[in-house]
């Protein structure tokens, strides 16, 4: 996996750790220091390939990298599903769409797209209203990065929290 200055891998690790209600010290144990993990999550440091693989393995996630073109297509299709889901509420169609992303975490090249992806997926989960889906860790992870949202993302987030 490519790890560079535009990487969103730190926020991905942070969000997944928060979703799993894991402390930094627990995730970092035996891999790196908690302070180094904090720097990775904030984007102040980039992990080595080895550290990255160990962190992702401990979190139990597979991260799929996208090209810029693929990334734009994912965001476009997600906005379409979001609008369609809000208007038509076709839960089977939404489940089918979401299942295409199951078992993987997407490594976006642009942090803004990473936040948009998670906000729109959260809204789709709200539409589904599955009793088995615990959205509290998802909400907590989004709240942790709310200060980094642009105005549109902040509106979507607050609307979703209100609906929740």
N, C-alpha and C. Protein backbone atom coordinates (compact mmCIF):
# COMPACT_ATOMS: atom_id res chain seq x y z
N UNK A 1 0.84 -1.19 0.00
CA UNK A 1 0.00 0.00 0.00
C UNK A 1 0.88 1.24 0.00
N UNK A 2 0.48 2.19 -0.80
CA UNK A 2 1.20 3.46 -0.88
C UNK A 2 0.88 4.29 0.37
N UNK A 3 1.92 4.79 0.97
CA UNK A 3 1.75 5.69 2.12
C UNK A 3 2.49 6.97 1.78
N UNK A 4 1.74 8.06 1.59
CA UNK A 4 2.38 9.32 1.22
C UNK A 4 1.72 10.48 1.94
N UNK A 5 2.14 11.69 1.61
CA UNK A 5 1.67 12.88 2.29
C UNK A 5 0.18 13.14 2.14
N UNK A 6 -0.45 12.64 1.08
CA UNK A 6 -1.88 12.87 0.89
C UNK A 6 -2.71 11.74 1.48
N UNK A 7 -2.06 10.84 2.19
CA UNK A 7 -2.70 9.63 2.69
C UNK A 7 -3.83 9.93 3.68
N UNK A 8 -4.88 9.17 3.57
CA UNK A 8 -5.97 9.25 4.54
C UNK A 8 -5.89 8.07 5.49
N UNK A 9 -4.78 7.35 5.50
CA UNK A 9 -4.68 6.14 6.31
C UNK A 9 -4.78 6.45 7.81
N UNK A 10 -4.24 7.57 8.26
CA UNK A 10 -4.34 7.93 9.68
C UNK A 10 -5.78 8.09 10.13
N UNK A 11 -6.58 8.91 9.43
CA UNK A 11 -7.99 9.03 9.80
C UNK A 11 -8.77 7.71 9.67
N UNK A 12 -8.39 6.88 8.71
CA UNK A 12 -9.04 5.56 8.57
C UNK A 12 -8.77 4.74 9.83
N UNK A 13 -7.51 4.71 10.24
CA UNK A 13 -7.15 3.95 11.44
C UNK A 13 -7.88 4.50 12.66
N UNK A 14 -7.89 5.82 12.78
CA UNK A 14 -8.56 6.46 13.93
C UNK A 14 -10.05 6.11 13.95
N UNK A 15 -10.71 6.26 12.81
CA UNK A 15 -12.14 5.99 12.77
C UNK A 15 -12.45 4.54 13.09
N UNK A 16 -11.68 3.64 12.53
CA UNK A 16 -11.92 2.21 12.78
C UNK A 16 -11.65 1.87 14.25
N UNK A 17 -10.60 2.44 14.82
CA UNK A 17 -10.29 2.21 16.23
C UNK A 17 -11.43 2.70 17.12
N UNK A 18 -11.95 3.88 16.82
CA UNK A 18 -13.06 4.43 17.59
C UNK A 18 -14.32 3.58 17.42
N UNK A 19 -14.58 3.12 16.21
CA UNK A 19 -15.75 2.26 15.98
C UNK A 19 -15.66 1.00 16.82
N UNK A 20 -14.45 0.49 16.98
CA UNK A 20 -14.25 -0.74 17.74
C UNK A 20 -14.06 -0.47 19.24
N UNK A 21 -14.19 0.80 19.64
CA UNK A 21 -14.06 1.22 21.03
C UNK A 21 -12.72 0.76 21.64
N UNK A 22 -11.68 0.94 20.86
CA UNK A 22 -10.34 0.52 21.27
C UNK A 22 -9.52 1.75 21.64
N UNK A 23 -8.78 1.65 22.70
CA UNK A 23 -7.89 2.74 23.11
C UNK A 23 -6.63 2.71 22.24
N UNK A 24 -6.00 3.86 22.10
CA UNK A 24 -4.76 3.94 21.32
C UNK A 24 -3.70 2.99 21.87
N UNK A 25 -3.59 2.91 23.19
CA UNK A 25 -2.57 2.06 23.79
C UNK A 25 -2.80 0.59 23.44
N UNK A 26 -4.05 0.17 23.38
CA UNK A 26 -4.36 -1.22 23.03
C UNK A 26 -4.02 -1.53 21.58
N UNK A 27 -4.32 -0.59 20.70
CA UNK A 27 -4.00 -0.80 19.28
C UNK A 27 -2.50 -0.77 19.05
N UNK A 28 -1.81 0.13 19.72
CA UNK A 28 -0.37 0.32 19.49
C UNK A 28 0.49 -0.75 20.16
N UNK A 29 -0.04 -1.42 21.17
CA UNK A 29 0.77 -2.36 21.97
C UNK A 29 1.53 -3.37 21.10
N UNK A 30 2.84 -3.37 21.26
CA UNK A 30 3.69 -4.31 20.53
C UNK A 30 3.95 -3.92 19.08
N UNK A 31 3.36 -2.81 18.63
CA UNK A 31 3.53 -2.37 17.24
C UNK A 31 4.33 -1.07 17.19
N UNK A 32 3.87 -0.11 17.96
CA UNK A 32 4.53 1.19 18.02
C UNK A 32 4.09 1.84 19.32
N UNK A 33 4.61 2.99 19.63
CA UNK A 33 4.19 3.68 20.85
C UNK A 33 2.82 4.32 20.62
N UNK A 34 2.11 4.54 21.70
CA UNK A 34 0.80 5.20 21.60
C UNK A 34 0.96 6.62 21.06
N UNK A 35 2.06 7.29 21.41
CA UNK A 35 2.28 8.65 20.91
C UNK A 35 2.53 8.63 19.40
N UNK A 36 3.23 7.60 18.90
CA UNK A 36 3.44 7.49 17.45
C UNK A 36 2.11 7.21 16.75
N UNK A 37 1.31 6.35 17.34
CA UNK A 37 -0.02 6.08 16.77
C UNK A 37 -0.85 7.35 16.72
N UNK A 38 -0.78 8.15 17.77
CA UNK A 38 -1.50 9.42 17.80
C UNK A 38 -1.07 10.32 16.64
N UNK A 39 0.24 10.35 16.39
CA UNK A 39 0.75 11.16 15.28
C UNK A 39 0.30 10.60 13.93
N UNK A 40 0.25 9.28 13.81
CA UNK A 40 -0.23 8.65 12.58
C UNK A 40 -1.69 9.02 12.34
N UNK A 41 -2.50 8.88 13.39
CA UNK A 41 -3.93 9.16 13.27
C UNK A 41 -4.20 10.62 12.92
N UNK A 42 -3.39 11.51 13.42
CA UNK A 42 -3.61 12.94 13.15
C UNK A 42 -2.99 13.39 11.83
N UNK A 43 -2.21 12.51 11.21
CA UNK A 43 -1.56 12.86 9.95
C UNK A 43 -0.22 13.53 10.12
N UNK A 44 0.25 13.65 11.37
CA UNK A 44 1.54 14.28 11.63
C UNK A 44 2.71 13.35 11.31
N UNK A 45 2.44 12.04 11.22
CA UNK A 45 3.48 11.06 10.88
C UNK A 45 2.86 10.01 9.97
N UNK A 46 3.70 9.46 9.12
CA UNK A 46 3.26 8.38 8.24
C UNK A 46 3.86 7.07 8.74
N UNK A 47 3.05 6.01 8.81
CA UNK A 47 3.59 4.74 9.30
C UNK A 47 4.45 4.05 8.25
N UNK A 48 5.39 3.25 8.72
CA UNK A 48 6.13 2.41 7.79
C UNK A 48 5.16 1.35 7.26
N UNK A 49 5.52 0.71 6.20
CA UNK A 49 4.68 -0.35 5.61
C UNK A 49 4.41 -1.44 6.65
N UNK A 50 5.43 -1.81 7.41
CA UNK A 50 5.29 -2.87 8.42
C UNK A 50 4.32 -2.45 9.53
N UNK A 51 4.50 -1.25 10.06
CA UNK A 51 3.62 -0.75 11.12
C UNK A 51 2.18 -0.65 10.61
N UNK A 52 2.02 -0.14 9.41
CA UNK A 52 0.69 -0.02 8.81
C UNK A 52 0.01 -1.37 8.71
N UNK A 53 0.71 -2.35 8.20
CA UNK A 53 0.12 -3.69 8.05
C UNK A 53 -0.24 -4.30 9.39
N UNK A 54 0.59 -4.10 10.41
CA UNK A 54 0.29 -4.62 11.75
C UNK A 54 -0.93 -3.94 12.36
N UNK A 55 -1.03 -2.61 12.19
CA UNK A 55 -2.19 -1.88 12.73
C UNK A 55 -3.47 -2.33 12.05
N UNK A 56 -3.44 -2.43 10.72
CA UNK A 56 -4.64 -2.86 9.98
C UNK A 56 -5.03 -4.28 10.35
N UNK A 57 -4.04 -5.13 10.54
CA UNK A 57 -4.31 -6.51 10.92
C UNK A 57 -4.97 -6.58 12.30
N UNK A 58 -4.44 -5.81 13.25
CA UNK A 58 -5.02 -5.80 14.60
C UNK A 58 -6.46 -5.27 14.57
N UNK A 59 -6.72 -4.31 13.70
CA UNK A 59 -8.08 -3.78 13.57
C UNK A 59 -8.99 -4.74 12.79
N UNK A 60 -8.37 -5.69 12.09
CA UNK A 60 -9.15 -6.66 11.33
C UNK A 60 -9.78 -6.07 10.09
N UNK A 61 -9.08 -5.12 9.46
CA UNK A 61 -9.65 -4.50 8.26
C UNK A 61 -8.71 -4.66 7.08
N UNK A 62 -9.31 -4.70 5.92
CA UNK A 62 -8.59 -4.69 4.65
C UNK A 62 -8.85 -3.34 4.03
N UNK A 63 -7.81 -2.67 3.60
CA UNK A 63 -7.97 -1.35 3.01
C UNK A 63 -7.72 -1.45 1.52
N UNK A 64 -8.71 -1.01 0.74
CA UNK A 64 -8.60 -1.00 -0.71
C UNK A 64 -8.21 0.39 -1.17
N UNK A 65 -7.13 0.47 -1.93
CA UNK A 65 -6.70 1.75 -2.49
C UNK A 65 -7.45 2.03 -3.78
N UNK A 66 -7.72 3.28 -4.02
CA UNK A 66 -8.41 3.70 -5.24
C UNK A 66 -7.56 4.69 -6.02
N UNK A 67 -7.72 4.66 -7.32
CA UNK A 67 -7.14 5.73 -8.14
C UNK A 67 -8.05 6.94 -7.98
N UNK A 68 -7.60 8.11 -8.39
CA UNK A 68 -8.45 9.31 -8.31
C UNK A 68 -9.74 9.12 -9.08
N UNK A 69 -9.66 8.48 -10.24
CA UNK A 69 -10.85 8.24 -11.07
C UNK A 69 -11.82 7.29 -10.37
N UNK A 70 -11.30 6.22 -9.78
CA UNK A 70 -12.15 5.27 -9.05
C UNK A 70 -12.80 5.95 -7.84
N UNK A 71 -12.03 6.78 -7.18
CA UNK A 71 -12.52 7.50 -6.01
C UNK A 71 -13.71 8.38 -6.38
N UNK A 72 -13.59 9.12 -7.47
CA UNK A 72 -14.68 9.98 -7.92
C UNK A 72 -15.92 9.17 -8.26
N UNK A 73 -15.73 8.01 -8.88
CA UNK A 73 -16.87 7.14 -9.22
C UNK A 73 -17.57 6.62 -7.97
N UNK A 74 -16.79 6.26 -6.95
CA UNK A 74 -17.38 5.80 -5.69
C UNK A 74 -18.22 6.91 -5.07
N UNK A 75 -17.68 8.12 -5.02
CA UNK A 75 -18.40 9.24 -4.42
C UNK A 75 -19.66 9.57 -5.23
N UNK A 76 -19.55 9.58 -6.55
CA UNK A 76 -20.73 9.83 -7.40
C UNK A 76 -21.81 8.79 -7.17
N UNK A 77 -21.43 7.52 -7.15
CA UNK A 77 -22.43 6.46 -6.97
C UNK A 77 -23.03 6.54 -5.57
N UNK A 78 -22.23 6.92 -4.59
CA UNK A 78 -22.74 7.05 -3.23
C UNK A 78 -23.73 8.21 -3.11
N UNK A 79 -23.41 9.35 -3.74
CA UNK A 79 -24.36 10.47 -3.73
C UNK A 79 -25.67 10.06 -4.42
N UNK A 80 -25.56 9.33 -5.52
CA UNK A 80 -26.76 8.88 -6.21
C UNK A 80 -27.59 7.97 -5.29
N UNK A 81 -26.93 7.02 -4.63
CA UNK A 81 -27.64 6.10 -3.74
C UNK A 81 -28.23 6.85 -2.55
N UNK A 82 -27.49 7.83 -2.04
CA UNK A 82 -27.97 8.64 -0.93
C UNK A 82 -29.26 9.37 -1.31
N UNK A 83 -29.24 10.06 -2.46
CA UNK A 83 -30.44 10.79 -2.92
C UNK A 83 -31.59 9.82 -3.19
N UNK A 84 -31.28 8.73 -3.87
CA UNK A 84 -32.29 7.73 -4.18
C UNK A 84 -32.85 7.10 -2.90
N UNK A 85 -31.95 6.81 -1.96
CA UNK A 85 -32.38 6.21 -0.71
C UNK A 85 -33.28 7.12 0.10
N UNK A 86 -32.96 8.40 0.14
CA UNK A 86 -33.77 9.36 0.89
C UNK A 86 -35.15 9.51 0.24
N UNK A 87 -35.19 9.53 -1.08
CA UNK A 87 -36.46 9.73 -1.78
C UNK A 87 -37.32 8.47 -1.86
N UNK A 88 -36.71 7.34 -2.19
CA UNK A 88 -37.48 6.12 -2.47
C UNK A 88 -37.49 5.10 -1.34
N UNK A 89 -36.52 5.15 -0.46
CA UNK A 89 -36.44 4.24 0.69
C UNK A 89 -36.46 2.76 0.30
N UNK A 90 -35.86 2.42 -0.82
CA UNK A 90 -35.81 1.04 -1.27
C UNK A 90 -34.71 0.32 -0.48
N UNK A 91 -35.11 -0.33 0.62
CA UNK A 91 -34.14 -0.94 1.53
C UNK A 91 -33.37 -2.09 0.88
N UNK A 92 -34.02 -2.86 0.03
CA UNK A 92 -33.31 -3.96 -0.65
C UNK A 92 -32.21 -3.42 -1.55
N UNK A 93 -32.51 -2.34 -2.25
CA UNK A 93 -31.52 -1.74 -3.14
C UNK A 93 -30.35 -1.16 -2.34
N UNK A 94 -30.65 -0.54 -1.21
CA UNK A 94 -29.62 0.02 -0.34
C UNK A 94 -28.74 -1.10 0.23
N UNK A 95 -29.36 -2.19 0.70
CA UNK A 95 -28.59 -3.32 1.23
C UNK A 95 -27.65 -3.89 0.18
N UNK A 96 -28.16 -4.02 -1.03
CA UNK A 96 -27.34 -4.55 -2.14
C UNK A 96 -26.15 -3.62 -2.41
N UNK A 97 -26.41 -2.33 -2.40
CA UNK A 97 -25.35 -1.34 -2.63
C UNK A 97 -24.29 -1.42 -1.54
N UNK A 98 -24.73 -1.43 -0.29
CA UNK A 98 -23.81 -1.47 0.85
C UNK A 98 -23.01 -2.76 0.86
N UNK A 99 -23.61 -3.86 0.48
CA UNK A 99 -22.90 -5.14 0.50
C UNK A 99 -21.70 -5.13 -0.44
N UNK A 100 -21.74 -4.28 -1.46
CA UNK A 100 -20.59 -4.15 -2.36
C UNK A 100 -19.37 -3.58 -1.67
N UNK A 101 -19.55 -2.97 -0.50
CA UNK A 101 -18.44 -2.39 0.25
C UNK A 101 -18.08 -3.20 1.49
N UNK A 102 -18.81 -4.28 1.75
CA UNK A 102 -18.57 -5.03 2.98
C UNK A 102 -17.22 -5.73 2.94
N UNK A 103 -16.61 -5.82 4.10
CA UNK A 103 -15.34 -6.49 4.24
C UNK A 103 -14.13 -5.69 3.80
N UNK A 104 -14.33 -4.44 3.45
CA UNK A 104 -13.19 -3.61 3.04
C UNK A 104 -13.37 -2.19 3.56
N UNK A 105 -12.27 -1.53 3.72
CA UNK A 105 -12.26 -0.12 4.05
C UNK A 105 -11.54 0.57 2.91
N UNK A 106 -12.11 1.64 2.42
CA UNK A 106 -11.54 2.30 1.25
C UNK A 106 -10.52 3.35 1.68
N UNK A 107 -9.35 3.31 1.05
CA UNK A 107 -8.30 4.30 1.29
C UNK A 107 -8.45 5.39 0.24
N UNK A 108 -9.10 6.46 0.61
CA UNK A 108 -9.30 7.57 -0.29
C UNK A 108 -8.04 8.42 -0.40
N UNK A 109 -7.84 9.01 -1.55
CA UNK A 109 -6.71 9.92 -1.76
C UNK A 109 -6.99 11.29 -1.17
N UNK A 110 -8.25 11.62 -1.01
CA UNK A 110 -8.65 12.94 -0.52
C UNK A 110 -9.48 12.77 0.76
N UNK A 111 -9.01 13.38 1.83
CA UNK A 111 -9.65 13.26 3.13
C UNK A 111 -11.11 13.71 3.08
N UNK A 112 -11.41 14.73 2.32
CA UNK A 112 -12.77 15.22 2.18
C UNK A 112 -13.70 14.12 1.66
N UNK A 113 -13.22 13.34 0.68
CA UNK A 113 -14.02 12.23 0.15
C UNK A 113 -14.20 11.13 1.19
N UNK A 114 -13.19 10.90 2.00
CA UNK A 114 -13.29 9.91 3.08
C UNK A 114 -14.41 10.29 4.05
N UNK A 115 -14.46 11.55 4.45
CA UNK A 115 -15.52 12.00 5.36
C UNK A 115 -16.89 11.91 4.69
N UNK A 116 -16.98 12.35 3.44
CA UNK A 116 -18.25 12.29 2.72
C UNK A 116 -18.74 10.85 2.62
N UNK A 117 -17.86 9.94 2.27
CA UNK A 117 -18.19 8.52 2.17
C UNK A 117 -18.82 8.03 3.48
N UNK A 118 -18.17 8.31 4.59
CA UNK A 118 -18.67 7.83 5.88
C UNK A 118 -19.98 8.48 6.28
N UNK A 119 -20.13 9.76 6.00
CA UNK A 119 -21.39 10.45 6.33
C UNK A 119 -22.56 9.89 5.52
N UNK A 120 -22.34 9.65 4.24
CA UNK A 120 -23.42 9.15 3.39
C UNK A 120 -23.73 7.69 3.71
N UNK A 121 -22.72 6.90 4.03
CA UNK A 121 -22.97 5.51 4.43
C UNK A 121 -23.76 5.48 5.74
N UNK A 122 -23.44 6.38 6.65
CA UNK A 122 -24.17 6.47 7.91
C UNK A 122 -25.65 6.75 7.63
N UNK A 123 -25.92 7.64 6.71
CA UNK A 123 -27.31 7.96 6.36
C UNK A 123 -28.02 6.75 5.77
N UNK A 124 -27.34 5.99 4.94
CA UNK A 124 -27.93 4.79 4.36
C UNK A 124 -28.24 3.77 5.46
N UNK A 125 -27.35 3.64 6.44
CA UNK A 125 -27.63 2.75 7.56
C UNK A 125 -28.84 3.22 8.36
N UNK A 126 -29.00 4.53 8.48
CA UNK A 126 -30.17 5.07 9.17
C UNK A 126 -31.46 4.71 8.43
N UNK A 127 -31.43 4.78 7.12
CA UNK A 127 -32.61 4.43 6.32
C UNK A 127 -32.97 2.96 6.54
N UNK A 128 -31.97 2.11 6.61
CA UNK A 128 -32.22 0.67 6.78
C UNK A 128 -32.83 0.36 8.14
N UNK A 129 -32.45 1.10 9.16
CA UNK A 129 -32.96 0.90 10.52
C UNK A 129 -32.88 -0.55 10.97
N UNK A 130 -31.75 -1.20 10.69
CA UNK A 130 -31.55 -2.58 11.13
C UNK A 130 -31.32 -2.61 12.63
N UNK A 131 -32.08 -3.41 13.32
CA UNK A 131 -31.96 -3.51 14.78
C UNK A 131 -30.60 -4.07 15.18
N UNK A 132 -30.00 -4.91 14.32
CA UNK A 132 -28.72 -5.53 14.64
C UNK A 132 -27.55 -4.58 14.44
N UNK A 133 -27.75 -3.48 13.75
CA UNK A 133 -26.67 -2.53 13.44
C UNK A 133 -26.54 -1.52 14.57
N UNK A 134 -25.45 -1.59 15.32
CA UNK A 134 -25.18 -0.62 16.38
C UNK A 134 -24.48 0.58 15.76
N UNK A 135 -25.17 1.69 15.69
CA UNK A 135 -24.62 2.88 15.05
C UNK A 135 -23.88 3.81 16.01
N UNK A 136 -23.95 3.54 17.30
CA UNK A 136 -23.31 4.42 18.28
C UNK A 136 -21.80 4.53 18.04
N UNK A 137 -21.06 3.42 17.82
CA UNK A 137 -19.63 3.58 17.54
C UNK A 137 -19.38 4.39 16.26
N UNK A 138 -20.23 4.22 15.27
CA UNK A 138 -20.13 4.97 14.02
C UNK A 138 -20.30 6.46 14.31
N UNK A 139 -21.31 6.80 15.11
CA UNK A 139 -21.58 8.19 15.48
C UNK A 139 -20.40 8.77 16.25
N UNK A 140 -19.88 8.00 17.21
CA UNK A 140 -18.76 8.47 18.02
C UNK A 140 -17.53 8.76 17.15
N UNK A 141 -17.29 7.89 16.17
CA UNK A 141 -16.15 8.10 15.27
C UNK A 141 -16.34 9.36 14.43
N UNK A 142 -17.56 9.61 13.98
CA UNK A 142 -17.84 10.82 13.19
C UNK A 142 -17.76 12.07 14.06
N UNK A 143 -18.25 11.99 15.29
CA UNK A 143 -18.18 13.14 16.19
C UNK A 143 -16.73 13.54 16.46
N UNK A 144 -15.85 12.55 16.50
CA UNK A 144 -14.44 12.81 16.79
C UNK A 144 -13.76 13.64 15.71
N UNK A 145 -14.31 13.63 14.49
CA UNK A 145 -13.70 14.39 13.39
C UNK A 145 -14.61 15.50 12.87
N UNK A 146 -15.69 15.77 13.56
CA UNK A 146 -16.66 16.77 13.10
C UNK A 146 -16.03 18.13 12.83
N UNK A 147 -15.04 18.52 13.61
CA UNK A 147 -14.39 19.82 13.41
C UNK A 147 -13.69 19.93 12.06
N UNK A 148 -13.41 18.80 11.43
CA UNK A 148 -12.72 18.79 10.15
C UNK A 148 -13.69 18.79 8.96
N UNK A 149 -14.99 18.72 9.21
CA UNK A 149 -15.98 18.69 8.13
C UNK A 149 -16.11 20.07 7.49
N UNK A 150 -16.41 20.06 6.18
CA UNK A 150 -16.77 21.31 5.53
C UNK A 150 -18.25 21.59 5.86
N UNK A 151 -18.79 22.70 5.39
CA UNK A 151 -20.16 23.08 5.74
C UNK A 151 -21.19 22.05 5.29
N UNK A 152 -21.02 21.53 4.09
CA UNK A 152 -21.97 20.53 3.58
C UNK A 152 -21.93 19.26 4.42
N UNK A 153 -20.74 18.83 4.75
CA UNK A 153 -20.59 17.63 5.57
C UNK A 153 -21.17 17.84 6.97
N UNK A 154 -20.93 19.01 7.52
CA UNK A 154 -21.47 19.33 8.85
C UNK A 154 -22.99 19.31 8.81
N UNK A 155 -23.59 19.84 7.74
CA UNK A 155 -25.05 19.81 7.59
C UNK A 155 -25.55 18.36 7.52
N UNK A 156 -24.91 17.54 6.71
CA UNK A 156 -25.32 16.14 6.58
C UNK A 156 -25.18 15.43 7.93
N UNK A 157 -24.08 15.68 8.61
CA UNK A 157 -23.85 15.03 9.90
C UNK A 157 -24.93 15.42 10.91
N UNK A 158 -25.17 16.70 11.04
CA UNK A 158 -26.17 17.16 12.02
C UNK A 158 -27.57 16.70 11.67
N UNK A 159 -27.88 16.67 10.38
CA UNK A 159 -29.18 16.14 9.94
C UNK A 159 -29.32 14.67 10.32
N UNK A 160 -28.25 13.92 10.08
CA UNK A 160 -28.27 12.49 10.40
C UNK A 160 -28.41 12.26 11.91
N UNK A 161 -27.69 13.04 12.69
CA UNK A 161 -27.79 12.91 14.16
C UNK A 161 -29.22 13.22 14.59
N UNK A 162 -29.82 14.25 14.02
CA UNK A 162 -31.20 14.59 14.34
C UNK A 162 -32.16 13.45 13.99
N UNK A 163 -31.92 12.80 12.87
CA UNK A 163 -32.77 11.68 12.46
C UNK A 163 -32.55 10.45 13.35
N UNK A 164 -31.31 10.29 13.79
CA UNK A 164 -30.99 9.15 14.64
C UNK A 164 -31.75 9.23 15.96
